Amino acid sequence: MTVRLSTLVLAALAAGCSLGGGYRAHATPAALAARHRSCPAADTSAVVQLVNDVRRRAGLRLLGGDPHLAHFAASRSATMADERRLSHSGWESGLRKAGLVDDALGENVAYNYDTPAAVMQGWMQSPGHRVNILRTAFKRIGVGCVIDERGHRWWTQDFAG
């Protein structure tokens, strides 16, 4: 019997996520490695919709999809797949270097969830990830996902507000 291993890393929250002021994300991430393929756009869009469904039920403002954050998130997913490890290392400095000046930033990552619904369920069951999804300061979201050569998905949500 094969046991599916799904891993979550708690999101970086609070103190390290409040710098600067204003908005403009101009992410310039590295291209996806040749051995990865992007998840279908419908899957990353579905995650944005699922996040907004959760926020709507909680009475919170809906997040706008941000193509610059999505591009950065896809790059983060590709980097994690290349390194074969989940990591938040460098995410905030990467966004800052890309020109993001929002006061609030957050990131959720996950590995080996096959569908948007499954990864959202995993994030919502994790207190740290749930806090990011429901954080009132966030206004925008970008979702990235790549599929590695083994068929495993590497997911990233980047938030800004």
Protein backbone atom coordinates (compact mmCIF):
# COMPACT_ATOMS: atom_id res chain seq x y z
CA MET A 1 0.00 0.00 0.00
CA THR A 2 1.37 3.35 -0.97
CA VAL A 3 1.00 6.09 1.57
CA ARG A 4 0.65 9.58 0.16
CA LEU A 5 3.03 11.97 1.85
CA SER A 6 1.78 15.52 1.98
CA THR A 7 3.82 18.17 3.66
CA LEU A 8 3.03 21.68 4.77
CA VAL A 9 5.36 24.30 6.09
CA LEU A 10 3.95 26.85 8.48
CA ALA A 11 3.78 30.30 6.98
CA ALA A 12 6.01 33.16 7.98
CA LEU A 13 3.75 35.50 9.88
CA ALA A 14 3.55 38.72 11.86
CA ALA A 15 6.79 40.53 12.68
CA GLY A 16 8.80 39.78 9.57
CA CYS A 17 5.88 40.50 7.26
CA SER A 18 5.31 44.20 7.91
CA LEU A 19 7.65 46.52 6.08
CA GLY A 20 7.40 49.42 3.66
CA GLY A 21 4.21 51.01 2.33
CA GLY A 22 2.23 51.24 -0.91
CA TYR A 23 1.99 48.86 -3.86
CA ARG A 24 3.51 47.74 -7.08
CA ALA A 25 4.68 44.22 -7.57
CA HIS A 26 7.12 43.83 -10.43
CA ALA A 27 8.29 40.29 -9.87
CA THR A 28 10.97 39.08 -12.28
CA PRO A 29 11.34 35.38 -11.35
CA ALA A 30 13.63 32.91 -13.02
CA ALA A 31 12.15 30.76 -15.77
CA LEU A 32 10.77 27.38 -14.84
CA ALA A 33 13.32 24.58 -15.11
CA ALA A 34 12.97 22.39 -18.20
CA ARG A 35 12.13 19.36 -16.08
CA HIS A 36 9.08 21.06 -14.58
CA ARG A 37 5.82 21.93 -16.18
CA SER A 38 3.36 24.51 -14.98
CA CYS A 39 0.17 23.28 -13.41
CA PRO A 40 -2.90 24.08 -15.50
CA ALA A 41 -3.91 27.73 -15.20
CA ALA A 42 -7.38 26.55 -14.20
CA ASP A 43 -5.85 24.95 -11.07
CA THR A 44 -4.10 28.10 -9.88
CA SER A 45 -7.24 30.15 -10.66
CA ALA A 46 -9.29 27.63 -8.70
CA VAL A 47 -7.07 28.15 -5.64
CA VAL A 48 -7.66 31.91 -5.84
CA GLN A 49 -11.39 31.24 -6.06
CA LEU A 50 -11.28 28.82 -3.12
CA VAL A 51 -9.38 31.37 -1.02
CA ASN A 52 -12.01 33.98 -1.86
CA ASP A 53 -14.81 31.54 -1.05
CA VAL A 54 -13.30 31.06 2.43
CA ARG A 55 -12.83 34.80 2.87
CA ARG A 56 -16.40 35.52 1.69
CA ARG A 57 -17.81 33.08 4.25
CA ALA A 58 -15.72 34.80 6.94
CA GLY A 59 -17.06 38.24 5.90
CA LEU A 60 -13.66 39.44 4.65
CA ARG A 61 -12.71 41.44 1.58
CA LEU A 62 -11.98 39.26 -1.45
CA LEU A 63 -8.41 39.16 -2.72
CA GLY A 64 -7.60 40.32 -6.22
CA GLY A 65 -5.50 38.04 -8.36
CA ASP A 66 -2.13 39.69 -9.02
CA PRO A 67 -0.24 38.42 -12.09
CA HIS A 68 3.10 39.68 -10.73
CA LEU A 69 2.61 37.81 -7.45
CA ALA A 70 1.49 34.74 -9.41
CA HIS A 71 4.62 34.87 -11.55
CA PHE A 72 6.77 35.17 -8.44
CA ALA A 73 4.86 32.31 -6.77
CA ALA A 74 5.43 30.09 -9.81
CA SER A 75 9.14 30.85 -9.63
CA ARG A 76 9.16 29.97 -5.91
CA SER A 77 7.44 26.66 -6.68
CA ALA A 78 10.00 25.87 -9.39
CA THR A 79 12.89 26.67 -7.06
CA MET A 80 11.51 24.40 -4.36
CA ALA A 81 11.00 21.61 -6.92
CA ASP A 82 14.60 22.08 -8.14
CA GLU A 83 15.89 21.86 -4.56
CA ARG A 84 13.37 19.12 -3.66
CA ARG A 85 12.48 20.86 -0.40
CA LEU A 86 9.81 23.17 0.88
CA SER A 87 11.23 26.47 2.04
CA HIS A 88 10.30 30.02 2.86
CA SER A 89 13.95 31.04 2.59
CA GLY A 90 14.31 34.34 0.78
CA TRP A 91 10.66 34.82 -0.19
CA GLU A 92 10.23 38.23 1.40
CA SER A 93 13.57 39.62 0.23
CA GLY A 94 12.77 38.29 -3.25
CA LEU A 95 9.47 40.16 -3.32
CA ARG A 96 11.16 43.32 -2.04
CA LYS A 97 13.90 43.07 -4.69
CA ALA A 98 11.16 42.65 -7.29
CA GLY A 99 9.73 46.02 -6.24
CA LEU A 100 6.94 45.03 -3.85
CA VAL A 101 6.49 47.68 -1.16
CA ASP A 102 3.30 46.55 0.58
CA ASP A 103 3.03 46.74 4.36
CA ALA A 104 1.85 43.13 4.74
CA LEU A 105 3.26 40.09 2.99
CA GLY A 106 2.70 36.38 3.51
CA GLU A 107 3.47 33.07 1.91
CA ASN A 108 2.03 29.55 2.07
CA VAL A 109 3.74 26.57 0.45
CA ALA A 110 2.73 22.94 0.06
CA TYR A 111 3.90 19.76 -1.65
CA ASN A 112 2.23 16.76 -3.26
CA TYR A 113 -1.41 17.79 -3.19
CA ASP A 114 -3.00 16.70 -6.48
CA THR A 115 -5.87 19.18 -6.70
CA PRO A 116 -6.73 22.75 -5.75
CA ALA A 117 -9.35 21.46 -3.29
CA ALA A 118 -6.84 19.15 -1.60
CA VAL A 119 -4.16 21.80 -1.17
CA MET A 120 -6.73 24.28 0.17
CA GLN A 121 -8.00 21.70 2.64
CA GLY A 122 -4.41 21.14 3.82
CA TRP A 123 -3.76 24.85 4.20
CA MET A 124 -7.03 25.42 6.04
CA GLN A 125 -6.23 22.61 8.49
CA SER A 126 -2.89 24.23 9.33
CA PRO A 127 -3.27 27.12 11.80
CA GLY A 128 -0.42 29.20 10.33
CA HIS A 129 -1.58 28.81 6.75
CA ARG A 130 -5.18 29.50 7.73
CA VAL A 131 -4.09 32.78 9.38
CA ASN A 132 -2.51 33.91 6.11
CA ILE A 133 -5.60 33.00 4.08
CA LEU A 134 -7.83 34.95 6.49
CA ARG A 135 -5.50 37.87 7.24
CA THR A 136 -7.48 41.09 6.89
CA ALA A 137 -4.47 43.16 5.79
CA PHE A 138 -4.09 41.23 2.54
CA LYS A 139 -5.61 42.63 -0.66
CA ARG A 140 -3.96 40.55 -3.40
CA ILE A 141 -2.88 36.99 -4.03
CA GLY A 142 -0.71 35.16 -6.51
CA VAL A 143 -0.71 31.38 -6.79
CA GLY A 144 2.00 29.31 -8.44
CA CYS A 145 2.28 25.60 -9.01
CA VAL A 146 4.68 23.35 -10.88
CA ILE A 147 4.66 19.62 -11.49
CA ASP A 148 8.04 17.95 -11.16
CA GLU A 149 9.32 15.02 -13.21
CA ARG A 150 7.78 12.58 -10.70
CA GLY A 151 4.34 14.14 -11.13
CA HIS A 152 4.37 15.83 -7.72
CA ARG A 153 2.97 19.33 -7.37
CA TRP A 154 4.75 22.17 -5.59
CA TRP A 155 2.33 24.94 -4.57
CA THR A 156 2.94 28.54 -3.48
CA GLN A 157 0.56 31.30 -2.43
CA ASP A 158 2.00 34.79 -2.05
CA PHE A 159 -0.12 37.48 -0.40
CA ALA A 160 0.27 41.25 -0.27
CA GLY A 161 -1.64 44.16 1.16
